Amino acid sequence: MSDATAHGRQPQEFEKVLSGSDTAVASFDTHKRSALEQAQHFLHSSPAAVPLIVLVLSLLVFGVLVGGKFFSAFSMTLILQQVAIVGIVGAAQTLVVLTAGIDLSVGAIMVLSSVVMGQFTFRYGLPPALSVLCGLAVGAACGWVNGVLVAHMKLPPFIVTLGTWQIVLAANFLYSANETIRSQDIEAQASILQFFGQNFRVGNAVFTYGVVAMVLLIGLLWYILNHTAWGRHVYAIGDDPEAAKLSGVQVKRILVTVYAISGLICALAGWALIGRIGSVSPTAGQFANIESITAVVIGGISLFGGRGSILGMLFGALIVGVFSLGLRLIGTDPQWTYLLIGALIIAAVAIDQWIRKVAA
């Protein structure tokens, strides 16, 4: 009985309609997902899972092919030493790629910063510690220029960094006169430049301070990206810059800071590079930009921006290190490393496209 009838009056037209309407509670489609769909959703929510799985499988395969020595503490830490520079530069590249950009100048900035550290010490007689600070400042300044051109001039990141890559590379060779500062001279007069190449032992494991710097840097950036407003803004810009702007995010400022921090991290990599090779060489690190992009792509970070984890980049760099060492221990032609890494890059992009369909 309706309320109108209960009160002794005739029901109105809209009440008649309501009394005959369906009273069933609305429900959404809750069809059971297939195993493949569940895997797709899991990988979408955990972007570092794919490179981690590939890394574990790579370790197991080479462990079987090479034998027990592959899992020795020395071999495992050797892989870390080999990927330390790529991991640091890859961290810089990750920040840029998360904003849907790309930085082709990271390797050139790294080398120029190392050259500045060496030249300021041996050409101008500055204290080595001050020279290091100058090198870090040069790296940050190069990144800041990239950021201004991208954020304020509205130029495509690929074109901007392609141009600054050539400019910085030329400045590096012109300034250094293509001269290498020898390891013996650095060790005798400015040992702080080789700091990240110094090692220490933990049992049979041999670590360098460059490895420690890489791990601490990635841990710090992981926290910043996942637990600070700045990090959330970086992801928001990469996902949709216009929506981020309408939400109150200062897109231009964030982009400039991203590129400036990227340049600073590249300068840190330049300092670590001196420790790795022992000398200051203007020709070192020629492929750092390609290697960093490789680590980012294999690490599951979307080149379209807005999705991915910096831990995935670390796993991607380690995958390359595992393949390089494993194939070398097997005794195969080094070209097989490039072949397999190329296949992994294509597979990583294909998997990223498949995972992105969840959000479509």
Protein backbone atom coordinates (compact mmCIF):
# COMPACT_ATOMS: atom_id res chain seq x y z
CA MET A 1 0.00 0.00 0.00
CA SER A 2 1.36 3.42 -0.99
CA ASP A 3 1.71 6.35 1.41
CA ALA A 4 -0.93 8.29 -0.55
CA THR A 5 -3.53 5.49 -0.14
CA ALA A 6 -2.66 5.14 3.54
CA HIS A 7 -3.47 8.83 4.10
CA GLY A 8 -6.82 8.59 2.25
CA ARG A 9 -5.95 10.59 -0.89
CA GLN A 10 -5.61 9.69 -4.55
CA PRO A 11 -2.01 8.99 -5.69
CA GLN A 12 -0.50 11.49 -8.15
CA GLU A 13 0.74 10.48 -11.59
CA PHE A 14 4.45 10.30 -10.61
CA GLU A 15 3.57 8.16 -7.58
CA LYS A 16 1.70 5.70 -9.84
CA VAL A 17 4.80 5.39 -12.00
CA LEU A 18 7.05 4.87 -8.98
CA SER A 19 4.80 2.20 -7.53
CA GLY A 20 5.14 0.15 -10.70
CA SER A 21 8.84 0.58 -11.13
CA ASP A 22 11.46 -2.07 -10.60
CA THR A 23 12.79 -2.15 -7.03
CA ALA A 24 15.79 -4.39 -7.74
CA VAL A 25 19.15 -2.99 -6.57
CA ALA A 26 21.42 -1.96 -9.43
CA SER A 27 24.55 -4.06 -9.78
CA PHE A 28 27.70 -3.75 -11.87
CA ASP A 29 29.08 -6.42 -14.12
CA THR A 30 31.11 -8.69 -11.87
CA HIS A 31 31.98 -11.41 -14.33
CA LYS A 32 34.83 -13.55 -13.19
CA ARG A 33 38.12 -12.57 -14.79
CA SER A 34 40.14 -15.15 -16.63
CA ALA A 35 43.66 -15.98 -15.46
CA LEU A 36 45.08 -13.91 -18.32
CA GLU A 37 42.98 -10.88 -17.33
CA GLN A 38 44.01 -11.25 -13.70
CA ALA A 39 47.66 -11.32 -14.76
CA GLN A 40 47.12 -8.24 -16.92
CA HIS A 41 45.58 -6.28 -14.04
CA PHE A 42 48.33 -7.40 -11.64
CA LEU A 43 51.06 -6.28 -14.00
CA HIS A 44 49.27 -2.97 -14.56
CA SER A 45 49.25 -2.31 -10.81
CA SER A 46 52.82 -3.61 -10.32
CA PRO A 47 54.92 -2.29 -13.24
CA ALA A 48 58.18 -3.55 -11.74
CA ALA A 49 56.92 -7.14 -11.65
CA VAL A 50 57.73 -8.02 -15.28
CA PRO A 51 61.42 -6.99 -15.16
CA LEU A 52 61.78 -8.68 -11.76
CA ILE A 53 60.40 -11.93 -13.18
CA VAL A 54 62.71 -11.68 -16.20
CA LEU A 55 65.67 -10.97 -13.92
CA VAL A 56 64.98 -14.02 -11.73
CA LEU A 57 64.50 -16.26 -14.78
CA SER A 58 67.74 -14.93 -16.32
CA LEU A 59 69.65 -15.72 -13.15
CA LEU A 60 68.23 -19.24 -13.05
CA VAL A 61 68.98 -19.94 -16.73
CA PHE A 62 72.57 -18.73 -16.55
CA GLY A 63 72.98 -20.49 -13.22
CA VAL A 64 72.13 -23.76 -14.95
CA LEU A 65 74.29 -23.03 -18.03
CA VAL A 66 77.35 -21.67 -16.22
CA GLY A 67 77.20 -23.59 -12.98
CA GLY A 68 77.52 -22.71 -9.32
CA LYS A 69 80.25 -20.11 -9.86
CA PHE A 70 77.69 -17.82 -11.46
CA PHE A 71 75.94 -17.43 -8.11
CA SER A 72 79.16 -16.69 -6.22
CA ALA A 73 79.25 -13.50 -4.19
CA PHE A 74 82.04 -12.16 -6.41
CA SER A 75 80.02 -12.68 -9.62
CA MET A 76 76.87 -11.13 -8.21
CA THR A 77 78.68 -8.04 -6.94
CA LEU A 78 80.61 -7.80 -10.21
CA ILE A 79 77.29 -7.39 -12.00
CA LEU A 80 76.38 -4.57 -9.61
CA GLN A 81 79.71 -2.85 -10.28
CA GLN A 82 79.20 -3.10 -14.03
CA VAL A 83 75.72 -1.55 -13.95
CA ALA A 84 76.40 1.16 -11.36
CA ILE A 85 76.97 3.92 -13.93
CA VAL A 86 74.02 2.81 -16.09
CA GLY A 87 71.84 2.62 -12.98
CA ILE A 88 72.64 6.18 -11.93
CA VAL A 89 72.16 7.61 -15.44
CA GLY A 90 69.04 5.44 -15.79
CA ALA A 91 67.62 7.09 -12.65
CA ALA A 92 68.00 10.48 -14.37
CA GLN A 93 66.39 9.12 -17.52
CA THR A 94 63.53 7.63 -15.51
CA LEU A 95 62.46 11.01 -14.14
CA VAL A 96 62.26 12.46 -17.65
CA VAL A 97 60.47 9.46 -19.18
CA LEU A 98 57.84 9.49 -16.43
CA THR A 99 56.85 12.96 -17.68
CA ALA A 100 56.41 11.47 -21.20
CA GLY A 101 59.74 12.94 -22.34
CA ILE A 102 63.11 11.54 -23.25
CA ASP A 103 66.64 12.83 -22.67
CA LEU A 104 69.27 11.99 -25.27
CA SER A 105 71.83 14.28 -23.61
CA VAL A 106 72.31 12.36 -20.35
CA GLY A 107 75.55 10.69 -21.47
CA ALA A 108 77.06 13.93 -22.78
CA ILE A 109 76.16 15.79 -19.56
CA MET A 110 77.74 12.99 -17.53
CA VAL A 111 81.02 13.17 -19.44
CA LEU A 112 81.17 16.98 -19.52
CA SER A 113 80.63 17.08 -15.74
CA SER A 114 83.50 14.63 -15.20
CA VAL A 115 85.75 16.65 -17.50
CA VAL A 116 84.93 19.85 -15.59
CA MET A 117 85.82 18.14 -12.31
CA GLY A 118 89.18 17.06 -13.70
CA GLN A 119 90.05 20.24 -15.60
CA PHE A 120 89.10 22.58 -12.74
CA THR A 121 91.44 20.60 -10.50
CA PHE A 122 94.46 20.19 -12.78
CA ARG A 123 94.17 23.19 -15.11
CA TYR A 124 93.04 25.86 -12.65
CA GLY A 125 94.37 24.41 -9.40
CA LEU A 126 91.05 24.44 -7.54
CA PRO A 127 90.65 22.17 -4.51
CA PRO A 128 89.30 18.82 -5.73
CA ALA A 129 86.19 19.05 -3.52
CA LEU A 130 85.34 22.46 -5.00
CA SER A 131 85.91 21.10 -8.50
CA VAL A 132 83.42 18.32 -7.78
CA LEU A 133 80.82 20.91 -6.74
CA CYS A 134 81.50 22.85 -9.95
CA GLY A 135 80.97 19.69 -12.00
CA LEU A 136 77.69 19.00 -10.21
CA ALA A 137 76.59 22.58 -10.87
CA VAL A 138 77.43 22.28 -14.58
CA GLY A 139 75.33 19.11 -14.84
CA ALA A 140 72.37 20.75 -13.10
CA ALA A 141 72.70 23.83 -15.35
CA CYS A 142 72.64 21.68 -18.51
CA GLY A 143 69.53 19.92 -17.27
CA TRP A 144 67.92 23.26 -16.37
CA VAL A 145 68.45 24.50 -19.94
CA ASN A 146 66.75 21.38 -21.26
CA GLY A 147 63.85 21.93 -18.89
CA VAL A 148 63.36 25.58 -19.84
CA LEU A 149 63.34 24.75 -23.54
CA VAL A 150 60.81 21.94 -23.03
CA ALA A 151 58.54 23.62 -20.45
CA HIS A 152 58.58 27.27 -21.48
CA MET A 153 59.45 27.14 -25.19
CA LYS A 154 57.10 24.14 -25.72
CA LEU A 155 59.72 22.29 -27.80
CA PRO A 156 59.57 18.48 -28.10
CA PRO A 157 61.91 16.79 -25.57
CA PHE A 158 63.38 14.53 -28.26
CA ILE A 159 64.40 17.48 -30.46
CA VAL A 160 65.65 19.59 -27.54
CA THR A 161 67.86 16.90 -26.07
CA LEU A 162 69.06 15.77 -29.50
CA GLY A 163 70.32 19.31 -30.01
CA THR A 164 71.82 19.76 -26.55
CA TRP A 165 73.45 16.33 -26.84
CA GLN A 166 75.42 17.57 -29.85
CA ILE A 167 76.18 20.93 -28.21
CA VAL A 168 77.35 19.44 -24.91
CA LEU A 169 79.36 16.76 -26.69
CA ALA A 170 81.13 19.36 -28.83
CA ALA A 171 81.75 21.57 -25.77
CA ASN A 172 83.23 18.59 -24.00
CA PHE A 173 85.80 17.90 -26.75
CA LEU A 174 86.59 21.58 -27.32
CA TYR A 175 87.07 22.36 -23.63
CA SER A 176 89.14 19.26 -22.83
CA ALA A 177 91.15 19.50 -26.08
CA ASN A 178 90.46 15.75 -26.24
CA GLU A 179 93.05 15.16 -23.52
CA THR A 180 92.79 12.46 -20.86
CA ILE A 181 93.89 13.09 -17.28
CA ARG A 182 95.82 10.02 -16.19
CA SER A 183 94.79 7.78 -13.33
CA GLN A 184 98.21 8.11 -11.66
CA ASP A 185 97.94 11.90 -11.52
CA ILE A 186 94.44 11.78 -10.07
CA GLU A 187 95.44 9.22 -7.46
CA ALA A 188 98.41 11.33 -6.39
CA GLN A 189 96.79 14.78 -6.33
CA ALA A 190 93.00 14.43 -6.23
CA SER A 191 92.02 11.03 -4.90
CA ILE A 192 88.52 12.28 -4.03
CA LEU A 193 87.72 12.18 -7.75
CA GLN A 194 88.20 8.40 -7.62
CA PHE A 195 86.14 7.98 -4.45
CA PHE A 196 83.30 6.01 -6.04
CA GLY A 197 85.79 3.52 -7.48
CA GLN A 198 87.09 2.51 -4.06
CA ASN A 199 85.81 -0.83 -2.84
CA PHE A 200 85.19 -2.69 0.39
CA ARG A 201 84.49 -6.33 1.18
CA VAL A 202 81.60 -8.02 2.92
CA GLY A 203 82.76 -11.62 3.12
CA ASN A 204 83.55 -12.66 -0.46
CA ALA A 205 81.41 -9.89 -1.91
CA VAL A 206 83.24 -6.84 -3.25
CA PHE A 207 81.28 -3.58 -3.36
CA THR A 208 82.32 -0.18 -4.64
CA TYR A 209 81.05 3.11 -3.29
CA GLY A 210 79.59 3.66 -6.76
CA VAL A 211 77.25 0.71 -6.15
CA VAL A 212 76.29 2.12 -2.77
CA ALA A 213 75.57 5.51 -4.38
CA MET A 214 73.36 3.86 -7.02
CA VAL A 215 71.34 1.91 -4.45
CA LEU A 216 70.89 4.91 -2.13
CA LEU A 217 69.93 7.18 -5.02
CA ILE A 218 67.32 4.79 -6.39
CA GLY A 219 65.94 4.20 -2.88
CA LEU A 220 65.64 7.97 -2.31
CA LEU A 221 63.96 8.59 -5.67
CA TRP A 222 61.59 5.66 -5.11
CA TYR A 223 60.45 7.24 -1.85
CA ILE A 224 60.11 10.72 -3.40
CA LEU A 225 58.15 9.45 -6.40
CA ASN A 226 55.77 7.35 -4.31
CA HIS A 227 55.35 9.30 -1.08
CA THR A 228 55.63 13.01 -1.88
CA ALA A 229 53.41 15.51 -3.69
CA TRP A 230 56.23 16.28 -6.12
CA GLY A 231 56.43 12.63 -7.12
CA ARG A 232 52.67 12.39 -7.65
CA HIS A 233 52.82 15.52 -9.79
CA VAL A 234 55.54 13.95 -11.96
CA TYR A 235 53.29 10.95 -12.65
CA ALA A 236 50.28 13.22 -13.24
CA ILE A 237 52.15 15.29 -15.84
CA GLY A 238 53.23 12.17 -17.67
CA ASP A 239 49.71 10.77 -17.67
CA ASP A 240 47.92 13.94 -18.82
CA PRO A 241 49.63 17.36 -18.56
CA GLU A 242 46.44 19.31 -19.33
CA ALA A 243 44.45 17.49 -16.64
CA ALA A 244 47.34 18.00 -14.22
CA LYS A 245 47.36 21.72 -14.96
CA LEU A 246 43.61 21.98 -14.38
CA SER A 247 44.12 20.17 -11.07
CA GLY A 248 46.47 22.89 -9.86
CA VAL A 249 49.81 21.26 -10.69
CA GLN A 250 52.45 23.80 -11.74
CA VAL A 251 53.44 21.83 -14.82
CA LYS A 252 56.16 24.14 -16.10
CA ARG A 253 57.91 24.37 -12.73
CA ILE A 254 57.79 20.60 -12.19
CA LEU A 255 59.19 19.94 -15.69
CA VAL A 256 62.09 22.35 -15.16
CA THR A 257 62.94 20.77 -11.80
CA VAL A 258 62.73 17.27 -13.31
CA TYR A 259 65.28 18.12 -16.02
CA ALA A 260 67.51 20.04 -13.59
CA ILE A 261 67.56 17.13 -11.12
CA SER A 262 68.20 14.78 -14.04
CA GLY A 263 71.24 16.85 -15.01
CA LEU A 264 72.48 16.85 -11.41
CA ILE A 265 72.17 13.05 -11.26
CA CYS A 266 74.09 12.79 -14.55
CA ALA A 267 76.87 14.88 -12.98
CA LEU A 268 76.92 12.44 -10.05
CA ALA A 269 77.27 9.65 -12.61
CA GLY A 270 80.22 11.58 -14.10
CA TRP A 271 81.91 11.59 -10.72
CA ALA A 272 81.24 7.86 -10.36
CA LEU A 273 82.58 7.34 -13.90
CA ILE A 274 85.96 8.77 -12.89
CA GLY A 275 86.09 6.24 -10.07
CA ARG A 276 85.04 3.42 -12.39
CA ILE A 277 87.68 3.99 -15.11
CA GLY A 278 90.24 5.72 -12.87
CA SER A 279 90.88 8.60 -15.28
CA VAL A 280 89.07 11.62 -16.72
CA SER A 281 88.42 10.82 -20.36
CA PRO A 282 86.31 12.96 -22.74
CA THR A 283 85.59 9.85 -24.82
CA ALA A 284 84.20 7.73 -21.98
CA GLY A 285 80.51 6.90 -21.65
CA GLN A 286 79.73 7.28 -25.34
CA PHE A 287 76.66 5.02 -25.19
CA ALA A 288 75.31 6.03 -21.78
CA ASN A 289 72.21 7.63 -23.30
CA ILE A 290 71.27 4.46 -25.21
CA GLU A 291 72.11 2.23 -22.24
CA SER A 292 69.94 4.32 -19.91
CA ILE A 293 66.99 4.18 -22.31
CA THR A 294 67.50 0.42 -22.60
CA ALA A 295 67.36 0.01 -18.81
CA VAL A 296 64.23 2.17 -18.63
CA VAL A 297 62.38 0.30 -21.40
CA ILE A 298 63.31 -3.19 -20.20
CA GLY A 299 62.42 -2.00 -16.69
CA GLY A 300 58.78 -1.62 -17.72
CA ILE A 301 58.59 2.19 -17.60
CA SER A 302 56.17 3.36 -20.25
CA LEU A 303 57.65 5.68 -22.88
CA PHE A 304 54.21 7.31 -23.02
CA GLY A 305 54.76 8.58 -19.48
CA GLY A 306 52.81 8.37 -16.25
CA ARG A 307 53.43 4.70 -15.47
CA GLY A 308 56.36 2.70 -14.17
CA SER A 309 58.65 2.25 -11.18
CA ILE A 310 62.24 3.32 -10.77
CA LEU A 311 62.86 -0.10 -9.21
CA GLY A 312 61.91 -1.56 -12.59
CA MET A 313 64.69 0.51 -14.18
CA LEU A 314 67.17 -1.00 -11.71
CA PHE A 315 65.93 -4.49 -12.59
CA GLY A 316 66.28 -3.62 -16.28
CA ALA A 317 69.89 -2.53 -15.80
CA LEU A 318 70.62 -5.71 -13.84
CA ILE A 319 69.09 -7.84 -16.60
CA VAL A 320 71.56 -6.35 -19.08
CA GLY A 321 74.38 -6.98 -16.61
CA VAL A 322 73.31 -10.60 -16.08
CA PHE A 323 73.16 -11.25 -19.83
CA SER A 324 76.55 -9.60 -20.41
CA LEU A 325 78.35 -11.57 -17.68
CA GLY A 326 76.49 -14.83 -18.32
CA LEU A 327 77.22 -14.91 -22.05
CA ARG A 328 80.84 -13.93 -21.40
CA LEU A 329 81.27 -16.83 -18.96
CA ILE A 330 79.68 -19.23 -21.45
CA GLY A 331 82.20 -18.06 -24.05
CA THR A 332 79.75 -16.92 -26.73
CA ASP A 333 80.28 -14.10 -29.22
CA PRO A 334 79.62 -10.71 -27.53
CA GLN A 335 77.25 -9.82 -30.38
CA TRP A 336 74.75 -12.27 -28.92
CA THR A 337 74.36 -9.88 -25.99
CA TYR A 338 73.20 -7.07 -28.28
CA LEU A 339 70.89 -9.45 -30.15
CA LEU A 340 69.18 -10.67 -26.99
CA ILE A 341 68.95 -7.20 -25.45
CA GLY A 342 67.38 -5.92 -28.67
CA ALA A 343 64.80 -8.70 -28.52
CA LEU A 344 64.09 -7.85 -24.87
CA ILE A 345 63.51 -4.18 -25.75
CA ILE A 346 60.93 -5.07 -28.40
CA ALA A 347 59.27 -7.58 -26.06
CA ALA A 348 59.16 -5.00 -23.23
CA VAL A 349 57.40 -2.43 -25.43
CA ALA A 350 54.94 -5.07 -26.66
CA ILE A 351 54.14 -6.12 -23.08
CA ASP A 352 53.70 -2.46 -22.08
CA GLN A 353 51.17 -1.98 -24.90
CA TRP A 354 49.29 -5.10 -23.77
CA ILE A 355 49.24 -3.96 -20.13
CA ARG A 356 48.06 -0.46 -21.08
CA LYS A 357 44.85 -1.96 -22.51
CA VAL A 358 43.62 -2.38 -18.93
CA ALA A 359 43.48 1.39 -18.50
CA ALA A 360 42.00 1.97 -21.97
